[in-house]
N, C-alpha and C. Protein backbone atom coordinates (compact mmCIF):
# COMPACT_ATOMS: atom_id res chain seq x y z
N MET A 1 76.16 114.15 79.51
CA MET A 1 77.18 113.59 79.72
C MET A 1 77.64 113.03 81.12
N ALA A 2 78.26 112.01 81.19
CA ALA A 2 78.63 111.09 82.27
C ALA A 2 79.06 112.05 83.26
N GLU A 3 79.03 111.30 84.88
CA GLU A 3 79.55 112.07 85.82
C GLU A 3 81.24 111.55 85.73
N PRO A 4 81.91 112.17 85.73
CA PRO A 4 83.47 111.89 86.00
C PRO A 4 83.79 111.03 86.99
N LEU A 5 84.91 110.31 86.90
CA LEU A 5 85.67 109.39 87.43
C LEU A 5 85.88 109.93 88.92
N LEU A 6 86.96 111.08 88.71
CA LEU A 6 87.41 111.74 89.60
C LEU A 6 87.43 112.97 89.47
N GLU A 7 87.06 113.72 90.48
CA GLU A 7 86.88 115.29 90.67
C GLU A 7 87.15 116.26 91.57
N LEU A 8 88.47 116.86 91.27
CA LEU A 8 88.83 117.63 92.68
C LEU A 8 88.56 119.21 92.01
N ASP A 9 88.09 119.70 93.40
CA ASP A 9 87.60 121.13 92.87
C ASP A 9 88.26 122.00 93.73
N ARG A 10 89.24 123.03 93.43
CA ARG A 10 89.97 123.74 94.35
C ARG A 10 90.43 123.37 95.65
N VAL A 11 91.29 122.33 95.75
CA VAL A 11 91.88 121.45 96.62
C VAL A 11 92.99 121.93 97.51
N THR A 12 93.10 122.08 98.64
CA THR A 12 94.50 122.63 99.24
C THR A 12 94.53 121.99 100.63
N ILE A 13 95.66 121.63 100.53
CA ILE A 13 96.44 120.52 101.56
C ILE A 13 97.44 121.29 102.19
N LEU A 14 97.55 121.10 103.73
CA LEU A 14 98.29 121.81 104.29
C LEU A 14 99.05 120.58 105.16
N ARG A 15 100.86 121.06 105.15
CA ARG A 15 101.51 120.18 106.13
C ARG A 15 102.56 120.89 107.01
N ASP A 16 102.18 121.10 108.14
CA ASP A 16 102.92 122.13 108.86
C ASP A 16 102.64 123.35 108.71
N ASP A 17 101.31 123.95 108.25
CA ASP A 17 101.14 125.08 107.83
C ASP A 17 101.44 125.82 106.46
N ARG A 18 102.02 124.81 105.67
CA ARG A 18 102.49 125.07 104.59
C ARG A 18 102.07 124.42 103.43
N PRO A 19 101.68 124.86 102.18
CA PRO A 19 100.31 124.53 101.47
C PRO A 19 101.35 123.48 100.63
N ILE A 20 100.78 121.80 100.55
CA ILE A 20 101.38 120.98 99.96
C ILE A 20 100.83 120.83 98.37
N LEU A 21 99.58 121.01 98.62
CA LEU A 21 98.39 121.12 97.06
C LEU A 21 97.97 122.45 97.19
N ASP A 22 97.97 123.63 96.47
CA ASP A 22 97.16 124.62 96.75
C ASP A 22 96.38 124.86 95.39
N ASP A 23 95.27 124.77 95.77
CA ASP A 23 94.06 125.49 95.04
C ASP A 23 93.76 124.46 93.68
N VAL A 24 93.91 123.21 93.79
CA VAL A 24 94.04 122.43 92.41
C VAL A 24 92.92 121.79 92.32
N SER A 25 92.64 121.85 90.69
CA SER A 25 91.45 121.41 90.23
C SER A 25 91.69 120.21 89.36
N LEU A 26 90.83 118.89 89.36
CA LEU A 26 91.10 118.15 88.28
C LEU A 26 89.87 117.34 87.82
N SER A 27 89.42 117.06 86.52
CA SER A 27 88.59 116.38 86.49
C SER A 27 89.20 115.14 85.50
N VAL A 28 88.72 113.57 85.66
CA VAL A 28 89.00 112.88 85.04
C VAL A 28 87.97 111.95 84.70
N ALA A 29 87.71 111.74 83.40
CA ALA A 29 86.47 111.24 82.97
C ALA A 29 86.46 109.60 83.02
N ARG A 30 85.52 109.09 82.84
CA ARG A 30 85.42 107.48 82.85
C ARG A 30 86.00 107.06 81.59
N GLY A 31 87.01 106.03 81.83
CA GLY A 31 87.61 105.41 80.42
C GLY A 31 88.76 106.51 79.93
N GLU A 32 89.14 107.65 80.63
CA GLU A 32 90.34 108.44 80.19
C GLU A 32 91.36 107.83 80.88
N HIS A 33 92.60 107.96 80.24
CA HIS A 33 93.69 107.54 80.95
C HIS A 33 94.82 108.84 81.48
N THR A 34 94.98 108.69 82.72
CA THR A 34 95.72 110.01 83.17
C THR A 34 96.85 109.29 84.00
N VAL A 35 98.10 110.45 84.01
CA VAL A 35 99.47 109.98 84.60
C VAL A 35 99.30 111.12 85.34
N ILE A 36 100.31 110.81 86.42
CA ILE A 36 100.58 111.79 87.52
C ILE A 36 102.22 112.01 87.40
N LEU A 37 102.85 113.02 87.03
CA LEU A 37 104.08 113.10 86.76
C LEU A 37 104.45 114.57 87.50
N GLY A 38 106.04 114.38 88.13
CA GLY A 38 106.31 115.89 88.88
C GLY A 38 107.64 115.23 89.38
N ALA A 39 108.14 116.19 89.79
CA ALA A 39 109.59 116.18 90.45
C ALA A 39 109.49 115.55 92.07
N ASN A 40 110.18 114.95 92.57
CA ASN A 40 110.30 114.84 94.12
C ASN A 40 109.94 115.99 94.91
N GLY A 41 108.95 115.70 95.35
CA GLY A 41 108.06 116.73 96.57
C GLY A 41 107.49 117.59 95.95
N SER A 42 106.73 117.38 94.75
CA SER A 42 105.91 118.10 93.88
C SER A 42 104.29 117.86 94.57
N GLY A 43 104.04 116.73 95.21
CA GLY A 43 102.84 116.45 95.86
C GLY A 43 102.22 115.19 95.07
N LYS A 44 102.79 114.36 94.24
CA LYS A 44 102.20 113.19 93.58
C LYS A 44 101.64 112.31 94.82
N SER A 45 102.42 111.93 96.04
CA SER A 45 102.04 111.10 96.78
C SER A 45 100.78 111.78 97.70
N THR A 46 100.59 112.87 97.63
CA THR A 46 99.89 113.68 98.30
C THR A 46 98.45 113.64 97.80
N LEU A 47 98.51 113.56 96.48
CA LEU A 47 97.44 113.68 95.51
C LEU A 47 96.70 112.37 95.59
N VAL A 48 97.67 111.47 95.77
CA VAL A 48 97.22 109.78 95.69
C VAL A 48 96.54 109.72 97.21
N LYS A 49 97.06 110.31 98.38
CA LYS A 49 96.60 110.12 99.41
C LYS A 49 95.22 110.61 99.61
N LEU A 50 95.12 111.95 99.17
CA LEU A 50 93.90 112.61 99.07
C LEU A 50 92.72 111.80 98.21
N ILE A 51 92.82 111.18 97.02
CA ILE A 51 92.12 110.59 96.45
C ILE A 51 91.44 109.15 97.31
N ALA A 52 92.23 108.61 97.76
CA ALA A 52 92.28 107.53 99.08
C ALA A 52 91.51 107.91 100.33
N HIS A 53 91.20 109.19 100.54
CA HIS A 53 90.85 109.70 101.57
C HIS A 53 91.92 109.44 102.99
N GLN A 54 92.86 109.32 102.83
CA GLN A 54 94.22 109.24 103.74
C GLN A 54 94.36 110.67 104.34
N VAL A 55 94.39 111.58 103.78
CA VAL A 55 94.32 113.18 104.01
C VAL A 55 93.11 114.14 103.56
N HIS A 56 92.79 114.68 103.86
CA HIS A 56 91.85 115.71 103.87
C HIS A 56 91.85 117.15 103.39
N PRO A 57 91.23 117.66 102.71
CA PRO A 57 91.46 119.02 102.28
C PRO A 57 91.09 119.92 102.99
N LEU A 58 91.50 121.31 102.82
CA LEU A 58 91.07 122.20 103.80
C LEU A 58 89.55 122.98 103.54
N GLY A 59 88.97 123.29 104.15
CA GLY A 59 87.30 124.29 104.28
C GLY A 59 86.41 123.08 103.35
N GLY A 60 85.60 123.87 102.48
CA GLY A 60 84.63 123.18 101.52
C GLY A 60 85.41 122.77 100.48
N ALA A 61 86.30 122.38 100.03
CA ALA A 61 86.91 121.89 98.88
C ALA A 61 86.38 120.53 98.61
N GLY A 62 85.92 120.36 97.33
CA GLY A 62 85.24 118.87 97.05
C GLY A 62 86.51 118.11 96.25
N VAL A 63 86.33 116.69 96.79
CA VAL A 63 86.72 115.63 96.36
C VAL A 63 85.52 114.74 95.99
N ARG A 64 85.52 114.29 94.89
CA ARG A 64 84.41 113.18 94.59
C ARG A 64 84.83 112.06 93.65
N VAL A 65 85.00 110.95 94.02
CA VAL A 65 85.57 109.81 93.13
C VAL A 65 84.05 108.99 93.02
N PHE A 66 83.91 108.48 91.67
CA PHE A 66 82.72 107.71 91.34
C PHE A 66 81.47 108.51 91.47
N GLY A 67 81.59 109.67 91.40
CA GLY A 67 80.63 110.72 91.85
C GLY A 67 79.87 111.02 93.35
N ARG A 68 80.90 110.61 94.16
CA ARG A 68 80.73 110.73 95.55
C ARG A 68 81.58 111.15 96.47
N SER A 69 81.51 111.83 97.34
CA SER A 69 82.47 112.72 98.18
C SER A 69 82.58 111.59 99.64
N ASN A 70 81.82 111.08 99.95
CA ASN A 70 81.56 110.22 101.24
C ASN A 70 81.49 108.83 100.90
N TRP A 71 82.00 108.16 101.73
CA TRP A 71 81.81 106.73 101.51
C TRP A 71 81.81 105.90 102.65
N ASP A 72 80.85 104.83 103.01
CA ASP A 72 80.60 104.12 104.09
C ASP A 72 81.09 102.93 104.24
N VAL A 73 82.65 102.48 104.70
CA VAL A 73 82.97 101.36 104.65
C VAL A 73 82.97 100.50 105.73
């Protein structure tokens, strides 16, 4: 089975000591179409910022894009 395009493993993001995303896991396979839907304030933008590495999860939670957790840009 191919490496997932995107993989989040038990990710938690805090803002002002409040959980914005709490224990979120997600796996998106290559070629799979995925939509992010939710009410205002539900964490959609935070999820996109997490994927873009603009915010960072707590502890040892994993975020892997294209099979990599770190990028040297």
